[in-house]
Structures are given as structure tokens and as C-alpha cells.
Protein backbone atom coordinates (compact mmCIF):
# COMPACT_ATOMS: atom_id res chain seq x y z
CA UNK A 1 31.42 36.27 2.81
CA UNK A 2 28.30 37.53 1.06
CA UNK A 3 24.92 38.04 2.80
CA UNK A 4 23.57 35.14 0.76
CA UNK A 5 26.30 32.87 2.12
CA UNK A 6 25.53 33.98 5.67
CA UNK A 7 21.84 33.30 5.15
CA UNK A 8 22.65 29.82 3.81
CA UNK A 9 24.90 29.12 6.82
CA UNK A 10 22.13 30.26 9.16
CA UNK A 11 19.76 27.80 7.51
CA UNK A 12 22.31 25.02 7.92
CA UNK A 13 22.75 25.89 11.61
CA UNK A 14 19.00 25.88 12.16
CA UNK A 15 18.70 22.53 10.37
CA UNK A 16 21.53 21.13 12.50
CA UNK A 17 19.90 22.36 15.73
CA UNK A 18 16.55 20.84 14.82
CA UNK A 19 18.20 17.57 13.83
CA UNK A 20 20.10 17.48 17.14
CA UNK A 21 16.87 18.16 19.02
CA UNK A 22 15.25 15.17 17.31
CA UNK A 23 18.25 12.97 18.09
CA UNK A 24 18.40 14.02 21.77
CA UNK A 25 14.68 13.52 22.37
CA UNK A 26 14.69 10.19 20.53
CA UNK A 27 17.59 8.97 22.67
CA UNK A 28 15.81 10.25 25.80
CA UNK A 29 12.69 8.25 24.89
CA UNK A 30 14.85 5.16 24.29
CA UNK A 31 16.47 5.59 27.71
CA UNK A 32 13.05 5.90 29.36
CA UNK A 33 11.92 2.69 27.61
CA UNK A 34 14.94 0.79 28.96
CA UNK A 35 15.09 2.28 32.47
CA UNK A 36 11.42 2.63 33.45
CA UNK A 37 8.49 0.27 33.44
CA UNK A 38 4.74 0.91 33.57
CA UNK A 39 3.49 -0.68 36.79
CA UNK A 40 0.33 -0.59 38.85
CA UNK A 41 1.01 1.42 42.01
CA UNK A 42 -1.35 1.54 45.00
CA UNK A 43 -1.29 4.59 47.28
CA UNK A 44 -3.82 5.00 50.11
CA UNK A 45 -6.09 2.43 48.52
CA UNK A 46 -6.02 4.11 45.10
CA UNK A 47 -4.39 2.23 42.25
CA UNK A 48 -2.94 3.84 39.15
CA UNK A 49 -0.28 3.13 36.54
CA UNK A 50 3.00 4.91 37.01
CA UNK A 51 6.52 4.93 35.56
CA UNK A 52 8.73 3.00 37.98
CA UNK A 53 12.53 2.63 37.66
CA UNK A 54 13.38 -1.00 36.97
CA UNK A 55 16.14 -3.05 35.39
CA UNK A 56 14.27 -6.04 33.99
CA UNK A 57 10.54 -5.34 33.69
CA UNK A 58 10.95 -2.09 31.76
CA UNK A 59 8.79 -0.71 28.95
CA UNK A 60 10.90 -2.36 26.25
CA UNK A 61 10.66 -5.76 27.92
CA UNK A 62 6.92 -5.29 28.48
CA UNK A 63 6.44 -4.54 24.79
CA UNK A 64 8.67 -7.50 23.87
CA UNK A 65 6.55 -9.77 26.08
CA UNK A 66 3.37 -8.36 24.51
CA UNK A 67 4.71 -9.03 21.00
CA UNK A 68 5.72 -12.58 21.88
CA UNK A 69 2.37 -13.36 23.52
CA UNK A 70 0.46 -11.85 20.61
CA UNK A 71 2.47 -13.06 17.60
CA UNK A 72 4.32 -16.28 18.44
CA UNK A 73 2.19 -19.30 17.38
CA UNK A 74 1.00 -21.50 20.30
CA UNK A 75 3.11 -24.48 19.15
CA UNK A 76 6.34 -22.45 19.05
CA UNK A 77 8.65 -21.92 22.04
CA UNK A 78 10.57 -18.64 22.27
CA UNK A 79 14.12 -19.23 23.53
CA UNK A 80 17.46 -17.52 24.17
CA UNK A 81 20.47 -19.44 22.87
CA UNK A 82 23.26 -17.08 23.94
CA UNK A 83 23.81 -14.55 26.75
CA UNK A 84 22.54 -11.09 25.90
CA UNK A 85 20.12 -12.01 23.12
CA UNK A 86 17.08 -10.98 25.16
CA UNK A 87 18.83 -7.75 26.16
CA UNK A 88 19.64 -6.81 22.57
CA UNK A 89 16.10 -7.69 21.53
CA UNK A 90 14.77 -5.21 24.10
CA UNK A 91 17.20 -2.56 22.84
CA UNK A 92 15.88 -3.04 19.29
CA UNK A 93 12.33 -2.67 20.57
CA UNK A 94 13.29 0.47 22.50
CA UNK A 95 14.79 1.96 19.33
CA UNK A 96 11.58 1.28 17.40
CA UNK A 97 9.46 2.75 20.21
CA UNK A 98 11.62 5.88 20.40
CA UNK A 99 11.48 6.46 16.64
CA UNK A 100 7.72 5.87 16.56
CA UNK A 101 7.13 8.26 19.46
CA UNK A 102 9.38 10.84 17.79
CA UNK A 103 7.39 10.85 14.53
CA UNK A 104 5.15 13.78 15.66
CA UNK A 105 8.28 15.68 16.76
CA UNK A 106 9.99 15.01 13.44
CA UNK A 107 6.91 16.27 11.58
CA UNK A 108 6.75 19.36 13.81
CA UNK A 109 10.43 20.21 13.29
CA UNK A 110 10.14 19.80 9.51
CA UNK A 111 7.13 22.09 9.46
CA UNK A 112 8.88 24.62 11.73
CA UNK A 113 11.94 24.64 9.46
CA UNK A 114 9.97 25.33 6.28
CA UNK A 115 7.34 27.57 7.93
CA UNK A 116 9.11 30.92 7.24
CA UNK A 117 8.81 30.26 3.51
CA UNK A 118 5.11 29.36 3.45
CA UNK A 119 1.90 31.07 4.41
CA UNK A 120 -0.47 29.97 7.18
CA UNK A 121 -2.82 28.48 4.59
CA UNK A 122 0.05 26.54 3.06
CA UNK A 123 1.10 25.31 6.51
CA UNK A 124 -2.35 23.82 7.05
CA UNK A 125 -2.19 22.30 3.59
CA UNK A 126 1.23 20.75 4.32
CA UNK A 127 -0.02 19.29 7.60
CA UNK A 128 -3.23 18.01 6.05
CA UNK A 129 -1.82 16.62 2.82
CA UNK A 130 1.70 15.46 3.71
CA UNK A 131 2.55 15.10 7.39
CA UNK A 132 -0.67 13.59 8.75
CA UNK A 133 -1.22 11.17 5.84
CA UNK A 134 2.43 10.04 6.01
CA UNK A 135 2.27 9.33 9.75
CA UNK A 136 -1.18 7.74 9.45
CA UNK A 137 -0.13 5.43 6.62
CA UNK A 138 3.07 4.47 8.47
CA UNK A 139 1.17 3.41 11.59
CA UNK A 140 -1.51 1.76 9.45
CA UNK A 141 1.23 -0.37 7.90
CA UNK A 142 2.48 -1.36 11.35
CA UNK A 143 -1.04 -2.28 12.50
CA UNK A 144 -1.65 -4.26 9.31
CA UNK A 145 1.54 -6.25 9.81
CA UNK A 146 0.78 -6.79 13.51
CA UNK A 147 -2.80 -8.00 13.15
CA UNK A 148 -2.60 -9.79 9.80
CA UNK A 149 0.75 -10.21 8.00
CA UNK A 150 3.00 -11.41 10.86
CA UNK A 151 0.53 -13.88 12.48
CA UNK A 152 -0.35 -15.42 9.10
CA UNK A 153 3.30 -15.61 8.04
CA UNK A 154 4.56 -17.20 11.28
CA UNK A 155 1.70 -19.69 11.46
CA UNK A 156 2.16 -20.60 7.81
CA UNK A 157 5.89 -21.20 8.16
CA UNK A 158 5.78 -23.13 11.44
CA UNK A 159 2.84 -25.37 10.58
CA UNK A 160 5.23 -27.40 8.43
CA UNK A 161 7.21 -28.37 11.53
CA UNK A 162 4.04 -29.21 13.42
CA UNK A 163 2.81 -31.41 10.56
CA UNK A 164 5.79 -33.77 10.98
CA UNK A 165 5.81 -33.66 14.79
CA UNK A 166 8.88 -31.45 15.18
CA UNK A 167 9.16 -29.34 18.33
CA UNK A 168 9.72 -25.80 17.06
CA UNK A 169 11.85 -23.21 18.84
CA UNK A 170 12.27 -19.56 17.84
CA UNK A 171 15.26 -17.49 18.89
CA UNK A 172 14.27 -14.22 20.60
CA UNK A 173 16.68 -12.18 18.47
CA UNK A 174 15.42 -13.72 15.24
CA UNK A 175 11.83 -13.13 16.34
CA UNK A 176 12.32 -9.44 17.17
CA UNK A 177 14.31 -8.83 13.98
CA UNK A 178 11.56 -10.56 12.00
CA UNK A 179 8.83 -8.44 13.61
CA UNK A 180 10.69 -5.14 13.33
CA UNK A 181 11.56 -5.76 9.68
CA UNK A 182 7.90 -6.40 8.93
CA UNK A 183 6.87 -3.25 10.83
CA UNK A 184 9.35 -1.09 8.90
CA UNK A 185 8.62 -2.80 5.57
CA UNK A 186 4.86 -2.28 5.83
CA UNK A 187 5.27 1.23 7.26
CA UNK A 188 7.26 2.15 4.14
CA UNK A 189 5.11 0.13 1.73
CA UNK A 190 1.93 1.88 2.87
CA UNK A 191 3.41 5.18 1.64
CA UNK A 192 3.06 3.97 -1.98
CA UNK A 193 -0.38 5.53 -2.75
CA UNK A 194 0.75 8.85 -1.27
CA UNK A 195 3.97 8.85 -3.33
CA UNK A 196 2.01 8.03 -6.50
CA UNK A 197 -0.52 10.76 -5.74
CA UNK A 198 2.06 13.52 -5.26
CA UNK A 199 4.04 12.50 -8.34
CA UNK A 200 0.87 12.86 -10.38
CA UNK A 201 -0.28 15.96 -8.50
CA UNK A 202 3.04 17.67 -9.28
CA UNK A 203 2.54 16.95 -12.97
CA UNK A 204 5.61 14.72 -13.34
CA UNK A 205 3.53 11.74 -14.43
CA UNK A 206 -0.12 11.17 -15.28
CA UNK A 207 -2.68 8.45 -14.66
CA UNK A 208 -1.82 6.70 -17.93
CA UNK A 209 1.80 6.35 -16.78
CA UNK A 210 0.79 4.20 -13.77
CA UNK A 211 -1.59 2.08 -15.83
CA UNK A 212 0.82 1.63 -18.75
CA UNK A 213 3.71 0.61 -16.49
CA UNK A 214 1.72 -1.76 -14.31
CA UNK A 215 3.78 -4.81 -15.31
CA UNK A 216 7.04 -3.02 -14.45
CA UNK A 217 5.58 -1.89 -11.13
CA UNK A 218 4.60 -5.50 -10.41
CA UNK A 219 8.19 -6.63 -11.05
CA UNK A 220 9.62 -3.88 -8.81
CA UNK A 221 7.14 -4.72 -6.05
CA UNK A 222 8.10 -8.41 -6.15
CA UNK A 223 11.81 -7.54 -6.01
CA UNK A 224 11.19 -5.15 -3.11
CA UNK A 225 9.23 -7.86 -1.29
CA UNK A 226 12.07 -10.34 -1.81
CA UNK A 227 14.69 -7.91 -0.52
CA UNK A 228 12.83 -6.59 2.51
CA UNK A 229 11.52 -9.91 3.90
CA UNK A 230 13.58 -11.40 6.75
CA UNK A 231 13.97 -14.90 5.28
CA UNK A 232 14.97 -16.31 1.93
CA UNK A 233 12.14 -18.81 1.53
CA UNK A 234 10.55 -16.98 -1.39
CA UNK A 235 7.19 -17.37 0.33
CA UNK A 236 7.04 -14.53 2.82
CA UNK A 237 7.80 -11.97 0.12
CA UNK A 238 4.26 -12.46 -1.17
CA UNK A 239 2.88 -11.29 2.17
CA UNK A 240 4.40 -7.90 1.33
CA UNK A 241 4.12 -7.97 -2.47
CA UNK A 242 0.38 -8.68 -2.60
CA UNK A 243 -0.62 -5.82 -0.21
CA UNK A 244 1.72 -3.47 -2.12
CA UNK A 245 0.02 -4.46 -5.37
CA UNK A 246 -3.33 -3.60 -3.77
CA UNK A 247 -1.87 -0.28 -2.58
CA UNK A 248 -0.68 0.41 -6.14
CA UNK A 249 -4.23 -0.07 -7.40
CA UNK A 250 -5.49 2.17 -4.57
CA UNK A 251 -3.02 4.84 -5.72
CA UNK A 252 -4.37 4.62 -9.27
CA UNK A 253 -7.93 4.94 -7.97
CA UNK A 254 -6.95 7.91 -5.77
CA UNK A 255 -5.33 9.69 -8.72
CA UNK A 256 -8.36 9.03 -10.89
CA UNK A 257 -10.80 10.38 -8.30
CA UNK A 258 -8.84 13.34 -6.89
CA UNK A 259 -6.78 14.53 -9.88
CA UNK A 260 -8.51 13.34 -13.01
CA UNK A 261 -11.97 14.05 -11.56
CA UNK A 262 -11.43 16.54 -8.72
CA UNK A 263 -15.10 17.50 -8.51
CA UNK A 264 -16.19 14.00 -7.56
């Protein structure tokens, strides 16, 4: 075995150890979300919030209740049609919470893995231009879907039932899957300007490429919106496609301002 092979194996071992660390911590966070709840505790007349072991009113169920109270339209009843649906819904929420909480750890481990090969100045540049914008855009996509896309979509779809006097019920599993798919879809979609910027910054493509291929980008965005949306109505895809089209235009503007005219 040559020294180069040993060095490569060492890198693989380090990558494996960092990956295992991320997996273990993510699972630990998921366990905390399903075993503990945040409750108001009073000791000697002083009240404060504390993690309390509980089976039912845990963090995942509290977040699930918050999502249902915030996103389910007033005329819609949230129901469970089979044993275990509410439990699995909480598990899905716990998985999302654990992954979201692990994002800073994932970014830190990636930076720690590549840090021996880059200088301190480059480390700051990586943090400032890649890791922080990626995390920020991901959470911005989740917030956008929570405050705008999901409420509008659900109200739009269920107003049809209300207009003909139908009592509308929504399965808890379908609701959580719907919400989580929107969170993930918008978290990924909001990375579009950053991806466009770095492709142009690396010199692979220029500003004219994005402008010239706008019609193809529009087609790809519509197809992506149709694939990623939770239902097949052909309506909800526009709630993802239209924001992505706006993000595409933002990417073009960002490239024009920061690459074509860096002094501005």
C-alpha cells in the first residue's frame, strides 16, 4: 500500500466518522423530540419552561398541534382514520425537526473536513458565501411556505367543498405529509439563486446563458413544481413554480450586480 493510498483511506475514515457523528446527533435530537416535551414548571413560586419526560405531549406533538392550529383552515376538521396515524405524523415531524436542528452541525462538519486544505481567509469565505447563505435560504423557504404558500394552497383547495356545503375532513397523515413536502420543496427551491450565482461565478456559464435559456428554465421549473407538489390537481404546482420563477429572475439580477458589475 502506497502512502497516497493510506492518506486516501485516512480521509475516508475521517469522512465516515464525521458522517456517523451527524447521524448519531440527529437521531439523538429525534429521540428528544419524541420523549420530552416543553412544559411550564413552577418551583418555589418561580415558573420556567423545562424539558419534561412525557409520552403524549412531547415536542413533536406540540409542533404538530402548532402546525394544525396555524395551517388547517377553520372549516376543515383534522381527523385520524386508522390507529397509529397520529403517531407516525409525530415521527415525521420529529425527523424534520432533527434534520433542521442538525443543519449547523452538518455545516460545521463539512467545514472541519475541508479546513486542512484551505486557509483561514478561505474558511471565512466558505462560511460567508456558501454555508450561511445555504442555511438561510433553506429556512427562508420553510418560512415562506409556512406563512404564505401552505395557508393559501389549503384555503384555495378546501373552499370548493365549503362552496357546496360539504363538511371537509383532513387526515392527519395526509396533512403532515403535505406540510413537510412543501417545507422541503421550498427549502430546496430557494437555493436556486445561489446555485445560479456559483455556476456563473465559477465561469461555467455566463449571464447570457440564463437569459437565453429562460424558456427552458420555465419548462423545467413547471415540471419540478408538478413533481414535488403533494397532489395531482395541477393547481398547487403553481404555488411552487411561480416563486421559483421569481427566484430565477433574482438569480439573474444577482449575477448581473455581483459578477457582471462587481463594483456596484
